[in-house]
Amino acid sequence: MGKLGERTAAFLNNRWLVFVAAMWLQSVASIGQLARIGVAKDLGDSVGSLAGFLCGIIPLWAALLIGAVANFVGYGWVWLVVTGRSPTLSLWPMCILIFIGTNGETFYNTAALVSCVQNFPKNRGPIVGILKGFAGLSGAILTQIFAMIHTPDKSALLFMVATGPSMVAIALMFLVRPVRGPRQVRKYDQSNFLYIYSICLILAAYLMGVMIV
């Protein structure tokens, strides 16, 4: 049990595990790209100062939880209105809900970047580039997932926007964090980054091909 516990602790405190979890988080962090509904969405996506401030004073898991709640409440309420499960709201309340839902993405982005930059202080460029790349692919990834469902109910897209990122954030919120251990550059780091770059390019090419065909 002692060796098993040590191996489990080493696995959970592996900075590469945190990086992979952050990539998964980023792959749904910008799912709001599927639901562009004007200025409210854009404002919610760009106002990330609150997320940055809170990530400096609270644990990253708490920031991810706040983002998950904001995403779920904002887009979830919009889904309830669209499906008639909630009373109809006027334009401004709907804009506020969209702003809240989209602002949850900034907590995902900030937590992913902060944790990985701290874990890889000598490789900030590749880290930020890969994470932003997955954030850019998130819209295409979720579009394909929605297309695979083949549901005639278009409101299901809003339901997926409300629940998908929130579930991923909650599932990963205790993994996406700074970890203890050596953070210096290791000889296999470059090969690992090259491997991840290759996966990103293959995934991007596949998604582009699927959308074109």
Protein backbone atom coordinates (compact mmCIF):
# COMPACT_ATOMS: atom_id res chain seq x y z
CA MET A 1 0.00 0.00 0.00
CA GLY A 2 2.91 2.32 0.70
CA LYS A 3 4.32 2.05 -2.81
CA LEU A 4 0.85 2.26 -4.34
CA GLY A 5 0.14 5.41 -2.37
CA GLU A 6 3.44 6.94 -3.45
CA ARG A 7 2.77 6.14 -7.09
CA THR A 8 -0.74 7.55 -6.89
CA ALA A 9 0.54 10.73 -5.27
CA ALA A 10 3.28 11.04 -7.90
CA PHE A 11 0.72 10.58 -10.68
CA LEU A 12 -1.68 13.16 -9.27
CA ASN A 13 1.15 15.64 -8.73
CA ASN A 14 2.59 15.22 -12.21
CA ARG A 15 2.69 18.56 -13.98
CA TRP A 16 2.01 16.87 -17.32
CA LEU A 17 -1.24 15.49 -15.91
CA VAL A 18 -2.20 19.05 -15.00
CA PHE A 19 -1.33 20.19 -18.52
CA VAL A 20 -3.48 17.49 -20.13
CA ALA A 21 -6.37 18.34 -17.80
CA ALA A 22 -5.97 22.00 -18.72
CA MET A 23 -6.13 21.11 -22.42
CA TRP A 24 -9.39 19.26 -21.82
CA LEU A 25 -10.70 22.27 -19.96
CA GLN A 26 -9.69 24.62 -22.75
CA SER A 27 -11.32 22.38 -25.34
CA VAL A 28 -14.70 23.37 -23.88
CA ALA A 29 -13.78 26.74 -22.38
CA SER A 30 -14.83 28.72 -25.44
CA ILE A 31 -17.94 26.72 -26.21
CA GLY A 32 -19.78 30.02 -26.12
CA GLN A 33 -18.48 30.57 -29.65
CA LEU A 34 -21.38 28.36 -30.69
CA ALA A 35 -23.88 30.80 -29.22
CA ARG A 36 -22.91 34.26 -30.35
CA ILE A 37 -25.81 36.43 -29.38
CA GLY A 38 -24.43 39.92 -29.79
CA VAL A 39 -22.63 42.30 -27.53
CA ALA A 40 -23.61 40.60 -24.26
CA LYS A 41 -21.75 37.45 -25.25
CA ASP A 42 -18.68 39.37 -26.39
CA LEU A 43 -18.58 41.45 -23.21
CA GLY A 44 -18.88 38.39 -21.01
CA ASP A 45 -16.05 36.75 -22.90
CA SER A 46 -13.73 39.75 -22.67
CA VAL A 47 -14.30 40.93 -19.10
CA GLY A 48 -11.84 38.63 -17.39
CA SER A 49 -10.46 41.00 -14.78
CA LEU A 50 -12.65 39.48 -12.06
CA ALA A 51 -11.37 35.99 -12.82
CA GLY A 52 -7.78 37.22 -12.78
CA PHE A 53 -8.28 39.02 -9.48
CA LEU A 54 -9.98 36.08 -7.78
CA CYS A 55 -7.39 33.57 -9.00
CA GLY A 56 -4.83 35.58 -7.04
CA ILE A 57 -6.64 35.23 -3.72
CA ILE A 58 -8.61 31.96 -3.86
CA PRO A 59 -7.62 28.40 -4.84
CA LEU A 60 -7.91 27.58 -8.52
CA TRP A 61 -10.48 24.87 -7.80
CA ALA A 62 -12.72 27.54 -6.29
CA ALA A 63 -12.27 29.73 -9.37
CA LEU A 64 -13.23 26.81 -11.60
CA LEU A 65 -16.27 26.15 -9.44
CA ILE A 66 -17.35 29.78 -9.76
CA GLY A 67 -16.92 29.56 -13.52
CA ALA A 68 -18.94 26.34 -13.68
CA VAL A 69 -21.78 27.85 -11.66
CA ALA A 70 -21.80 31.04 -13.76
CA ASN A 71 -21.80 29.04 -16.99
CA PHE A 72 -24.57 26.72 -15.80
CA VAL A 73 -26.80 29.45 -14.35
CA GLY A 74 -26.38 31.84 -17.27
CA TYR A 75 -26.86 29.50 -20.21
CA GLY A 76 -29.08 27.13 -18.24
CA TRP A 77 -31.60 29.88 -17.56
CA VAL A 78 -31.52 30.90 -21.22
CA TRP A 79 -32.28 27.27 -22.12
CA LEU A 80 -35.22 27.24 -19.70
CA VAL A 81 -36.63 30.38 -21.32
CA VAL A 82 -36.16 29.09 -24.87
CA THR A 83 -37.85 25.78 -24.09
CA GLY A 84 -40.75 27.43 -22.28
CA ARG A 85 -39.84 25.98 -18.89
CA SER A 86 -39.34 29.47 -17.47
CA PRO A 87 -41.31 32.69 -17.98
CA THR A 88 -40.26 34.73 -21.00
CA LEU A 89 -37.75 37.46 -20.25
CA SER A 90 -37.20 40.76 -22.00
CA LEU A 91 -34.05 41.60 -23.94
CA TRP A 92 -31.94 43.05 -21.13
CA PRO A 93 -32.40 40.19 -18.64
CA MET A 94 -31.51 37.75 -21.43
CA CYS A 95 -28.38 39.77 -22.20
CA ILE A 96 -27.40 39.69 -18.54
CA LEU A 97 -27.82 35.90 -18.43
CA ILE A 98 -25.69 35.49 -21.55
CA PHE A 99 -23.07 37.79 -20.04
CA ILE A 100 -22.96 35.70 -16.85
CA GLY A 101 -22.78 32.41 -18.74
CA THR A 102 -20.03 33.57 -21.06
CA ASN A 103 -18.04 35.19 -18.26
CA GLY A 104 -17.71 31.74 -16.72
CA GLU A 105 -15.33 30.89 -19.57
CA THR A 106 -12.84 33.46 -18.31
CA PHE A 107 -12.47 31.50 -15.08
CA TYR A 108 -11.66 28.34 -17.06
CA ASN A 109 -9.11 30.14 -19.21
CA THR A 110 -7.45 31.91 -16.30
CA ALA A 111 -7.20 28.80 -14.12
CA ALA A 112 -5.76 26.73 -16.97
CA LEU A 113 -3.16 29.34 -17.89
CA VAL A 114 -2.14 30.19 -14.32
CA SER A 115 -1.66 26.57 -13.27
CA CYS A 116 0.30 25.52 -16.34
CA VAL A 117 2.51 28.61 -16.50
CA GLN A 118 3.47 28.04 -12.86
CA ASN A 119 4.17 24.36 -13.52
CA PHE A 120 6.24 25.10 -16.65
CA PRO A 121 7.93 28.45 -15.91
CA LYS A 122 10.63 27.87 -18.54
CA ASN A 123 8.18 26.88 -21.28
CA ARG A 124 5.57 29.61 -21.09
CA GLY A 125 5.45 30.13 -24.86
CA PRO A 126 4.60 26.54 -25.86
CA ILE A 127 2.21 26.19 -22.92
CA VAL A 128 0.19 29.30 -23.73
CA GLY A 129 0.22 28.53 -27.45
CA ILE A 130 -1.09 24.99 -27.02
CA LEU A 131 -3.79 25.98 -24.53
CA LYS A 132 -5.02 28.84 -26.72
CA GLY A 133 -4.99 26.47 -29.68
CA PHE A 134 -7.32 24.07 -27.90
CA ALA A 135 -9.53 27.00 -26.89
CA GLY A 136 -9.75 27.94 -30.56
CA LEU A 137 -10.72 24.39 -31.52
CA SER A 138 -13.39 24.11 -28.85
CA GLY A 139 -16.17 25.50 -31.02
CA ALA A 140 -15.43 23.01 -33.81
CA ILE A 141 -15.13 20.12 -31.35
CA LEU A 142 -18.49 20.80 -29.73
CA THR A 143 -20.10 21.42 -33.12
CA GLN A 144 -19.11 17.92 -34.20
CA ILE A 145 -20.35 16.42 -30.93
CA PHE A 146 -23.70 18.14 -31.39
CA ALA A 147 -23.86 16.98 -35.02
CA MET A 148 -23.27 13.39 -33.90
CA ILE A 149 -26.29 13.55 -31.60
CA HIS A 150 -28.62 14.09 -34.58
CA THR A 151 -31.33 15.68 -32.48
CA PRO A 152 -34.05 17.75 -34.17
CA ASP A 153 -34.36 19.84 -31.00
CA LYS A 154 -32.15 22.87 -31.62
CA SER A 155 -32.52 23.98 -28.01
CA ALA A 156 -30.40 20.97 -27.09
CA LEU A 157 -27.41 23.03 -28.21
CA LEU A 158 -28.09 25.53 -25.43
CA PHE A 159 -28.44 22.68 -22.96
CA MET A 160 -25.06 21.34 -24.04
CA VAL A 161 -23.54 24.82 -23.72
CA ALA A 162 -24.93 25.08 -20.18
CA THR A 163 -23.97 21.64 -18.90
CA GLY A 164 -20.94 20.48 -20.91
CA PRO A 165 -18.28 22.98 -19.79
CA SER A 166 -19.63 22.99 -16.23
CA MET A 167 -19.32 19.22 -15.89
CA VAL A 168 -15.81 19.20 -17.35
CA ALA A 169 -14.70 22.03 -15.05
CA ILE A 170 -16.09 20.32 -11.95
CA ALA A 171 -14.53 16.99 -12.95
CA LEU A 172 -11.09 18.57 -13.40
CA MET A 173 -11.12 21.31 -10.77
CA PHE A 174 -8.87 19.41 -8.34
CA LEU A 175 -6.40 18.45 -11.08
CA VAL A 176 -5.86 21.87 -12.66
CA ARG A 177 -3.52 23.42 -10.11
CA PRO A 178 0.14 24.22 -9.47
CA VAL A 179 1.95 21.10 -8.27
CA ARG A 180 5.04 20.61 -6.18
CA GLY A 181 8.20 19.15 -7.58
CA PRO A 182 10.96 20.09 -10.01
CA ARG A 183 9.94 22.64 -12.62
CA GLN A 184 13.17 23.03 -14.52
CA VAL A 185 13.45 22.13 -18.20
CA ARG A 186 13.97 18.42 -18.75
CA LYS A 187 15.44 16.74 -21.78
CA TYR A 188 12.17 15.08 -22.77
CA ASP A 189 10.08 18.27 -22.52
CA GLN A 190 10.67 19.31 -26.11
CA SER A 191 9.71 15.89 -27.47
CA ASN A 192 6.53 15.95 -25.37
CA PHE A 193 5.61 19.39 -26.66
CA LEU A 194 6.30 18.28 -30.23
CA TYR A 195 4.02 15.29 -29.72
CA ILE A 196 1.23 17.50 -28.37
CA TYR A 197 1.71 19.97 -31.24
CA SER A 198 1.30 17.07 -33.66
CA ILE A 199 -1.95 16.03 -31.99
CA CYS A 200 -3.24 19.62 -32.24
CA LEU A 201 -2.42 19.83 -35.94
CA ILE A 202 -3.97 16.44 -36.71
CA LEU A 203 -7.11 17.34 -34.77
CA ALA A 204 -7.37 20.72 -36.50
CA ALA A 205 -6.91 19.13 -39.93
CA TYR A 206 -9.53 16.49 -39.15
CA LEU A 207 -12.09 19.03 -37.96
CA MET A 208 -11.47 21.22 -40.99
CA GLY A 209 -11.88 18.25 -43.30
CA VAL A 210 -15.11 17.17 -41.63
CA MET A 211 -16.59 20.65 -41.86
CA ILE A 212 -15.62 21.05 -45.52
CA VAL A 213 -16.95 17.64 -46.52
